[in-house]
Amino acid sequence: MKKNKLPTIFLIFFIGLSVSTAWGLNAQQIYSKVKPSIFSLYGTNSQYQQPRILGSAVAVTPNILATNCHVALARQYLFMKDKSQFKTVRIVYKNRQRDMCLIMVPGHIFDPVKIRGSEKVGIGEDVIAIGNPAGIERTLSKGIISNKHHRYGSTLLQTDASVSRGSSGGGLFDNEGDLIGIITLKLRGADNIALAIPTEWIQLALKKVNTQTSNGKKNTNVTSTQKSADNQKKRVTKRIGVYGADQVILLKRGSTCIFFAHGYNKTKTLRFDALWSPRQEGFVMIFPRNIESYKVMRDSIKGGSQTFGNRKYYATRNILTFNQHIYRLRLYQQVKSKRVGMVSRTNLHLSRYLLRYNAFIMQIYAPGTFAGHINIRFNTKGLDQAIKAYEKECKNTQ
């Protein structure tokens, strides 16, 4: 009697299927699967600064990203980088103790990852971490689950996958490409030891956000972050226009409008920006545009500092000149953000003056030069057009 035998092609198919089921996807397949769901987060404490990389975020629903609070709350302004564009982020949930934040980008639709419970993950499982270490976007590293730690009623995962600054908020994935944790920190002084917060916390946070949205009930956690998001929205800066031969800029920040002029030395190696508001016409702020300008500005400090609120003020040897009117400049530094600039309070109506003379001079201390100082000229041809735009866009809102 002949025994029934499976055809060789079916035998190969079943063997291949069992191997695929046992080992899951390879690293390249996992990367291709989850890469569209990983994003970079950038931040800044000033609308005039270039945003800097803070960390990463993972899409967990079509409109929500999960990240760490130490990333999302690190700066006043938070942005998600989408290709070459920076998009403003809203915080919809935060839990500082768990370092768990949920954020969204209004109008943006994401491709979310599949979530697997961290409790079910075993020690020794192969994992892949994807984030933005050192600002290198969507970088992959491989490792295993080296331990599990019980905290706050759930399980934190320990991995030896390589992570560094910028990886925070990135995803930790199993061999099927399912999200099993959010990278939160690397232990200082220890090689290849990083922790990931559990996906159970993400799912719990999503339920709270969804409950608050569907029932219209105010959750204190969400409400406080929503207020923060609303305040952030008010601080968003919009460029209304650039005017005239000297490219005078009109900016709108919330309900406040600001005039913005560029200043250069003769060789244009030193660059500064001057800002003033039509609501405070005698008040001028100066910011450096490059590292050379910053160094010259810092070298002009004389004497000690005085602290007022969250700023330190230093006397300088620098002055502003408006024809025969001379005003001293003081350097200031934000205590927390370390942002620096110079400020002067005049008794002039600056816009009226500049409509007549089209320029003013900053004399900055430079002991290594023949004259002992450098002149920075701020030209303002185009201010008349900027004022007309201000009358149209801003005057009724201030």
Protein backbone atom coordinates (compact mmCIF):
# COMPACT_ATOMS: atom_id res chain seq x y z
CA MET A 1 0.00 0.00 0.00
CA LYS A 2 1.41 3.41 -1.04
CA LYS A 3 1.71 6.13 1.51
CA ASN A 4 0.37 9.56 0.62
CA LYS A 5 3.19 12.08 0.34
CA LEU A 6 2.90 15.83 0.24
CA PRO A 7 4.38 17.39 -2.89
CA THR A 8 7.79 18.91 -2.34
CA ILE A 9 6.52 22.44 -3.10
CA PHE A 10 3.95 22.21 -0.28
CA LEU A 11 6.56 20.85 2.11
CA ILE A 12 8.83 23.81 1.37
CA PHE A 13 5.88 26.18 1.85
CA PHE A 14 5.01 24.78 5.30
CA ILE A 15 8.63 24.80 6.43
CA GLY A 16 8.96 28.42 5.31
CA LEU A 17 5.73 29.32 7.10
CA SER A 18 6.87 27.77 10.37
CA VAL A 19 10.23 29.57 10.19
CA SER A 20 8.50 32.90 9.45
CA THR A 21 6.09 32.43 12.36
CA ALA A 22 8.90 31.55 14.76
CA TRP A 23 11.28 34.34 13.85
CA GLY A 24 8.97 37.16 12.72
CA LEU A 25 10.17 39.96 10.47
CA ASN A 26 13.77 40.92 9.90
CA ALA A 27 15.13 44.33 10.87
CA GLN A 28 14.75 45.76 7.38
CA GLN A 29 11.10 44.69 7.19
CA ILE A 30 10.34 46.11 10.65
CA TYR A 31 12.01 49.40 9.75
CA SER A 32 10.00 49.71 6.53
CA LYS A 33 6.81 48.90 8.42
CA VAL A 34 7.14 51.44 11.25
CA LYS A 35 9.30 54.19 9.73
CA PRO A 36 6.28 56.27 8.56
CA SER A 37 5.04 56.34 12.17
CA ILE A 38 8.21 57.85 13.74
CA PHE A 39 8.60 61.63 13.91
CA SER A 40 11.13 64.17 15.18
CA LEU A 41 10.20 66.78 17.76
CA TYR A 42 11.90 70.18 17.82
CA GLY A 43 11.60 73.08 20.23
CA THR A 44 12.66 76.60 21.02
CA ASN A 45 12.08 79.18 23.75
CA SER A 46 11.83 82.05 21.29
CA GLN A 47 10.00 82.51 18.02
CA TYR A 48 13.20 84.15 16.70
CA GLN A 49 15.41 81.10 17.27
CA GLN A 50 15.91 78.11 14.99
CA PRO A 51 14.16 75.06 16.51
CA ARG A 52 16.51 72.39 17.88
CA ILE A 53 16.03 68.65 18.06
CA LEU A 54 14.50 67.48 21.36
CA GLY A 55 13.53 63.88 20.75
CA SER A 56 11.13 61.57 19.01
CA ALA A 57 7.45 60.60 18.92
CA VAL A 58 5.45 57.60 17.72
CA ALA A 59 2.03 57.66 16.04
CA VAL A 60 -0.35 55.58 18.18
CA THR A 61 -3.64 56.70 16.57
CA PRO A 62 -4.42 58.47 13.28
CA ASN A 63 -4.23 61.84 15.09
CA ILE A 64 -2.15 61.32 18.24
CA LEU A 65 1.57 60.81 18.91
CA ALA A 66 3.09 59.37 22.08
CA THR A 67 6.32 60.77 23.53
CA ASN A 68 8.05 61.60 26.81
CA CYS A 69 7.05 64.61 28.88
CA HIS A 70 10.70 65.52 29.36
CA VAL A 71 10.74 66.00 25.57
CA ALA A 72 7.32 67.61 25.03
CA LEU A 73 7.65 70.06 27.92
CA ALA A 74 11.32 70.97 27.43
CA ARG A 75 10.69 74.22 25.53
CA GLN A 76 8.02 76.91 25.24
CA TYR A 77 7.39 76.13 21.57
CA LEU A 78 7.09 72.53 20.35
CA PHE A 79 7.14 71.46 16.70
CA MET A 80 6.96 68.23 14.73
CA LYS A 81 9.17 68.02 11.67
CA ASP A 82 7.30 66.79 8.60
CA LYS A 83 9.76 66.52 5.74
CA SER A 84 11.24 70.05 5.71
CA GLN A 85 8.37 71.78 7.53
CA PHE A 86 7.97 72.48 11.25
CA LYS A 87 4.37 72.02 12.37
CA THR A 88 3.05 73.33 15.68
CA VAL A 89 2.22 70.64 18.23
CA ARG A 90 -0.57 70.61 20.83
CA ILE A 91 -0.23 68.70 24.09
CA VAL A 92 -3.43 66.81 24.90
CA TYR A 93 -2.29 64.70 27.86
CA LYS A 94 0.61 64.70 30.31
CA ASN A 95 1.75 62.67 33.29
CA ARG A 96 5.12 63.96 34.47
CA GLN A 97 5.56 61.19 37.04
CA ARG A 98 5.32 58.53 34.35
CA ASP A 99 7.05 60.74 31.74
CA MET A 100 4.08 60.05 29.44
CA CYS A 101 2.74 62.73 27.10
CA LEU A 102 0.32 62.58 24.17
CA ILE A 103 0.46 65.24 21.48
CA MET A 104 -1.31 66.06 18.24
CA VAL A 105 -0.75 68.19 15.15
CA PRO A 106 -4.03 69.80 14.07
CA GLY A 107 -5.07 68.67 10.61
CA HIS A 108 -2.36 65.99 10.28
CA ILE A 109 -3.28 62.31 9.76
CA PHE A 110 -0.77 59.67 10.89
CA ASP A 111 -0.16 56.03 10.05
CA PRO A 112 -0.33 54.49 13.56
CA VAL A 113 1.67 51.50 14.78
CA LYS A 114 0.14 48.35 16.19
CA ILE A 115 0.42 48.20 19.99
CA ARG A 116 1.30 45.12 22.05
CA GLY A 117 1.07 45.02 25.82
CA SER A 118 4.42 45.35 27.60
CA GLU A 119 3.34 42.89 30.30
CA LYS A 120 3.38 40.10 27.69
CA VAL A 121 6.95 40.80 26.59
CA GLY A 122 9.51 38.30 27.84
CA ILE A 123 13.09 38.80 28.96
CA GLY A 124 15.41 37.79 26.13
CA GLU A 125 13.08 38.82 23.28
CA ASP A 126 14.73 40.52 20.32
CA VAL A 127 13.77 44.19 19.98
CA ILE A 128 14.46 47.16 17.74
CA ALA A 129 14.62 50.80 18.85
CA ILE A 130 13.91 53.58 16.33
CA GLY A 131 14.35 57.24 17.17
CA ASN A 132 16.49 60.28 16.46
CA PRO A 133 19.75 59.93 18.44
CA ALA A 134 21.95 63.03 18.20
CA GLY A 135 19.42 64.46 15.74
CA ILE A 136 20.00 61.71 13.14
CA GLU A 137 16.42 61.01 12.18
CA ARG A 138 14.82 57.54 12.19
CA THR A 139 17.90 55.62 13.31
CA LEU A 140 17.57 51.88 14.03
CA SER A 141 19.40 49.88 16.69
CA LYS A 142 18.98 46.24 17.73
CA GLY A 143 19.00 44.58 21.13
CA ILE A 144 17.07 42.37 23.52
CA ILE A 145 14.85 42.83 26.56
CA SER A 146 17.44 42.48 29.30
CA ASN A 147 15.14 42.96 32.31
CA LYS A 148 11.69 44.11 33.46
CA HIS A 149 10.97 46.50 36.34
CA HIS A 150 7.63 46.95 38.12
CA ARG A 151 6.78 50.62 38.70
CA TYR A 152 3.49 52.43 39.36
CA GLY A 153 1.42 49.28 38.84
CA SER A 154 2.97 48.35 35.49
CA THR A 155 6.17 47.09 33.91
CA LEU A 156 9.07 49.13 32.52
CA LEU A 157 11.18 47.33 29.94
CA GLN A 158 14.97 47.34 30.09
CA THR A 159 16.88 46.95 26.82
CA ASP A 160 20.49 46.90 25.67
CA ALA A 161 19.60 48.47 22.31
CA SER A 162 21.84 51.49 21.68
CA VAL A 163 20.14 54.81 22.49
CA SER A 164 21.39 58.35 23.13
CA ARG A 165 20.20 61.95 23.37
CA GLY A 166 17.37 62.38 20.87
CA SER A 167 16.19 58.76 21.18
CA SER A 168 13.77 59.73 23.96
CA GLY A 169 10.17 59.36 22.81
CA GLY A 170 11.14 56.86 20.12
CA GLY A 171 9.61 53.43 19.77
CA LEU A 172 10.73 50.03 21.03
CA PHE A 173 9.38 47.28 18.74
CA ASP A 174 9.18 43.49 18.85
CA ASN A 175 10.05 41.16 15.95
CA GLU A 176 6.62 41.68 14.38
CA GLY A 177 7.00 45.47 14.32
CA ASP A 178 4.50 45.97 17.17
CA LEU A 179 5.14 48.79 19.63
CA ILE A 180 6.02 47.43 23.08
CA GLY A 181 7.36 50.60 24.74
CA ILE A 182 8.49 54.25 24.44
CA ILE A 183 12.19 54.88 25.07
CA THR A 184 12.43 57.18 28.09
CA LEU A 185 16.02 57.28 29.34
CA LYS A 186 19.51 55.83 29.29
CA LEU A 187 21.13 55.17 32.65
CA ARG A 188 24.14 57.43 33.16
CA GLY A 189 27.44 55.68 33.69
CA ALA A 190 26.04 52.36 32.42
CA ASP A 191 26.65 50.94 28.97
CA ASN A 192 23.71 49.62 26.97
CA ILE A 193 21.04 50.05 29.64
CA ALA A 194 17.94 51.97 28.61
CA LEU A 195 14.38 51.93 29.87
CA ALA A 196 11.08 52.07 27.99
CA ILE A 197 7.74 53.06 29.47
CA PRO A 198 4.98 50.46 28.98
CA THR A 199 2.34 50.57 26.28
CA GLU A 200 -0.31 50.03 28.95
CA TRP A 201 0.28 53.64 30.02
CA ILE A 202 -0.26 54.80 26.44
CA GLN A 203 -3.55 52.91 26.19
CA LEU A 204 -4.73 54.26 29.54
CA ALA A 205 -3.88 57.83 28.49
CA LEU A 206 -5.72 57.36 25.18
CA LYS A 207 -8.83 56.21 27.03
CA LYS A 208 -8.74 59.34 29.20
CA VAL A 209 -8.37 61.59 26.17
CA ASN A 210 -11.15 59.79 24.28
CA THR A 211 -13.46 59.90 27.32
CA GLN A 212 -12.90 63.61 27.75
CA THR A 213 -13.54 64.20 24.04
CA SER A 214 -16.67 62.05 23.68
CA ASN A 215 -18.40 63.04 26.93
CA GLY A 216 -17.40 66.68 26.90
CA LYS A 217 -16.31 66.31 30.53
CA LYS A 218 -13.30 68.17 31.80
CA ASN A 219 -10.45 66.04 33.02
CA THR A 220 -8.11 68.16 35.16
CA ASN A 221 -5.04 66.62 33.58
CA VAL A 222 -6.20 67.21 30.05
CA THR A 223 -7.67 70.61 30.89
CA SER A 224 -4.40 71.94 32.27
CA THR A 225 -2.44 70.75 29.23
CA GLN A 226 -5.14 72.11 26.96
CA LYS A 227 -4.68 75.50 28.60
CA SER A 228 -0.97 75.13 27.95
CA ALA A 229 -1.71 74.29 24.31
CA ASP A 230 -4.04 77.28 24.01
CA ASN A 231 -1.37 79.55 25.50
CA GLN A 232 1.14 78.09 23.07
CA LYS A 233 -1.24 78.82 20.21
CA LYS A 234 -1.45 82.45 21.35
CA ARG A 235 2.36 82.66 21.22
CA VAL A 236 2.67 81.34 17.66
CA THR A 237 4.36 83.91 15.44
CA LYS A 238 3.12 84.68 11.93
CA ARG A 239 5.08 86.68 9.37
CA ILE A 240 2.60 89.10 7.81
CA GLY A 241 4.99 90.49 5.21
CA VAL A 242 8.41 91.81 4.14
CA TYR A 243 8.52 95.39 2.86
CA GLY A 244 10.77 97.76 0.92
CA ALA A 245 14.41 97.81 -0.15
CA ASP A 246 15.63 97.06 3.39
CA GLN A 247 13.22 94.15 3.94
CA VAL A 248 11.47 95.47 7.03
CA ILE A 249 9.39 92.64 8.47
CA LEU A 250 6.02 92.78 10.23
CA LEU A 251 5.43 89.88 12.61
CA LYS A 252 2.28 89.00 14.52
CA ARG A 253 2.56 87.05 17.77
CA GLY A 254 -0.89 86.30 19.14
CA SER A 255 -2.53 89.73 19.14
CA THR A 256 0.77 91.67 19.27
CA CYS A 257 2.53 92.99 16.16
CA ILE A 258 6.26 93.69 15.95
CA PHE A 259 8.48 95.55 13.47
CA PHE A 260 11.72 93.79 12.63
CA ALA A 261 14.81 95.35 10.93
CA HIS A 262 18.23 93.94 9.97
CA GLY A 263 21.56 95.52 10.91
CA TYR A 264 25.03 94.96 9.43
CA ASN A 265 28.58 96.22 9.74
CA LYS A 266 30.49 97.37 6.63
CA THR A 267 31.62 93.86 5.67
CA LYS A 268 28.30 92.26 6.70
CA THR A 269 30.16 89.75 8.88
CA LEU A 270 28.34 90.99 11.98
CA ARG A 271 24.58 90.75 11.83
CA PHE A 272 21.94 91.80 14.33
CA ASP A 273 18.15 92.14 14.34
CA ALA A 274 16.24 95.01 15.96
CA LEU A 275 12.66 94.63 17.15
CA TRP A 276 10.15 97.12 18.46
CA SER A 277 6.40 97.13 19.00
CA PRO A 278 4.01 99.94 17.97
CA ARG A 279 2.49 99.50 21.44
CA GLN A 280 5.85 100.38 23.07
CA GLU A 281 7.48 102.75 20.59
CA GLY A 282 10.39 103.75 22.82
CA PHE A 283 11.51 100.21 23.59
CA VAL A 284 14.12 98.48 21.34
CA MET A 285 15.46 94.92 21.52
CA ILE A 286 18.58 93.72 19.70
CA PHE A 287 19.47 90.07 18.96
CA PRO A 288 22.64 88.58 17.44
CA ARG A 289 22.24 86.60 14.20
CA ASN A 290 25.49 84.61 14.22
CA ILE A 291 28.18 83.38 16.60
CA GLU A 292 30.58 86.24 15.77
CA SER A 293 27.91 88.78 16.68
CA TYR A 294 27.14 86.91 19.88
CA LYS A 295 30.81 86.89 20.96
CA VAL A 296 31.25 90.62 20.29
CA MET A 297 28.09 91.36 22.26
CA ARG A 298 29.20 89.26 25.25
CA ASP A 299 32.66 90.89 25.26
CA SER A 300 31.04 94.30 25.70
CA ILE A 301 29.78 93.52 29.24
CA LYS A 302 31.14 95.67 32.05
CA GLY A 303 30.52 95.14 35.77
CA GLY A 304 28.20 92.68 37.50
CA SER A 305 24.61 91.68 36.90
CA GLN A 306 21.23 92.51 38.39
CA THR A 307 18.34 90.03 38.41
CA PHE A 308 14.77 91.08 37.73
CA GLY A 309 12.22 88.29 37.52
CA ASN A 310 13.57 85.58 35.20
CA ARG A 311 16.22 87.81 33.60
CA LYS A 312 19.74 88.90 34.47
CA TYR A 313 20.80 92.34 33.22
CA TYR A 314 24.38 93.49 32.54
CA ALA A 315 25.68 96.97 31.80
CA THR A 316 27.53 97.23 28.47
CA ARG A 317 29.65 99.76 26.60
CA ASN A 318 27.25 99.64 23.65
CA ILE A 319 24.99 102.51 22.58
CA LEU A 320 22.23 103.30 20.09
CA THR A 321 22.43 106.60 18.22
CA PHE A 322 19.50 108.34 16.55
CA ASN A 323 21.22 111.40 15.10
CA GLN A 324 22.06 113.41 18.25
CA HIS A 325 20.09 111.14 20.58
CA ILE A 326 22.23 108.54 22.37
CA TYR A 327 20.92 105.66 24.50
CA ARG A 328 22.72 102.97 26.46
CA LEU A 329 22.14 99.27 25.76
CA ARG A 330 21.92 96.65 28.47
CA LEU A 331 22.54 92.97 27.83
CA TYR A 332 20.04 90.54 29.29
CA GLN A 333 19.99 86.79 29.72
CA GLN A 334 16.99 84.57 30.40
CA VAL A 335 17.73 82.61 33.59
CA LYS A 336 16.16 79.34 32.37
CA SER A 337 16.57 79.38 28.59
CA LYS A 338 19.92 81.25 28.57
CA ARG A 339 18.68 83.30 25.60
CA VAL A 340 20.56 86.60 25.32
CA GLY A 341 19.86 89.95 23.74
CA MET A 342 20.23 93.68 24.34
CA VAL A 343 17.61 96.20 25.26
CA SER A 344 17.32 99.99 25.37
CA ARG A 345 14.54 102.31 26.49
CA THR A 346 14.40 105.59 24.57
CA ASN A 347 12.14 108.65 24.73
CA LEU A 348 11.53 108.54 20.97
CA HIS A 349 8.54 107.46 18.93
CA LEU A 350 10.69 105.10 16.87
CA SER A 351 8.38 104.60 13.90
CA ARG A 352 7.92 108.32 13.39
CA TYR A 353 11.66 108.93 13.67
CA LEU A 354 12.53 106.12 11.24
CA LEU A 355 9.94 107.26 8.70
CA ARG A 356 11.90 110.50 8.56
CA TYR A 357 15.52 109.27 8.76
CA ASN A 358 15.30 105.64 7.51
CA ALA A 359 18.13 104.38 9.74
CA PHE A 360 19.76 104.24 13.16
CA ILE A 361 23.18 103.11 14.37
CA MET A 362 24.32 100.71 17.07
CA GLN A 363 27.84 101.35 18.28
CA ILE A 364 29.22 98.14 19.75
CA TYR A 365 32.37 97.97 21.88
CA ALA A 366 35.35 96.28 20.12
CA PRO A 367 38.70 97.03 21.81
CA GLY A 368 40.72 95.18 19.14
CA THR A 369 39.72 97.64 16.41
CA PHE A 370 41.38 100.97 15.53
CA ALA A 371 38.36 103.03 16.60
CA GLY A 372 37.63 100.85 19.63
CA HIS A 373 34.10 100.16 18.40
CA ILE A 374 32.12 98.82 15.42
CA ASN A 375 29.11 100.53 13.87
CA ILE A 376 26.08 98.42 13.00
CA ARG A 377 23.64 100.21 10.72
CA PHE A 378 19.93 99.36 10.75
CA ASN A 379 18.24 100.60 7.56
CA THR A 380 14.45 100.81 7.52
CA LYS A 381 13.33 101.75 4.01
CA GLY A 382 10.00 99.98 3.67
CA LEU A 383 8.76 100.82 7.15
CA ASP A 384 6.03 103.01 5.61
CA GLN A 385 4.62 99.92 3.85
CA ALA A 386 4.95 97.87 7.03
CA ILE A 387 2.99 100.52 8.95
CA LYS A 388 0.19 100.38 6.37
CA ALA A 389 0.06 96.60 6.80
CA TYR A 390 0.02 97.09 10.56
CA GLU A 391 -2.97 99.43 10.27
CA LYS A 392 -4.81 96.77 8.29
CA GLU A 393 -3.76 93.55 10.08
CA CYS A 394 -3.03 94.51 13.66
CA LYS A 395 -4.38 97.79 14.91
CA ASN A 396 -7.91 96.59 15.68
CA THR A 397 -6.65 93.46 17.47
CA GLN A 398 -4.28 95.17 19.94
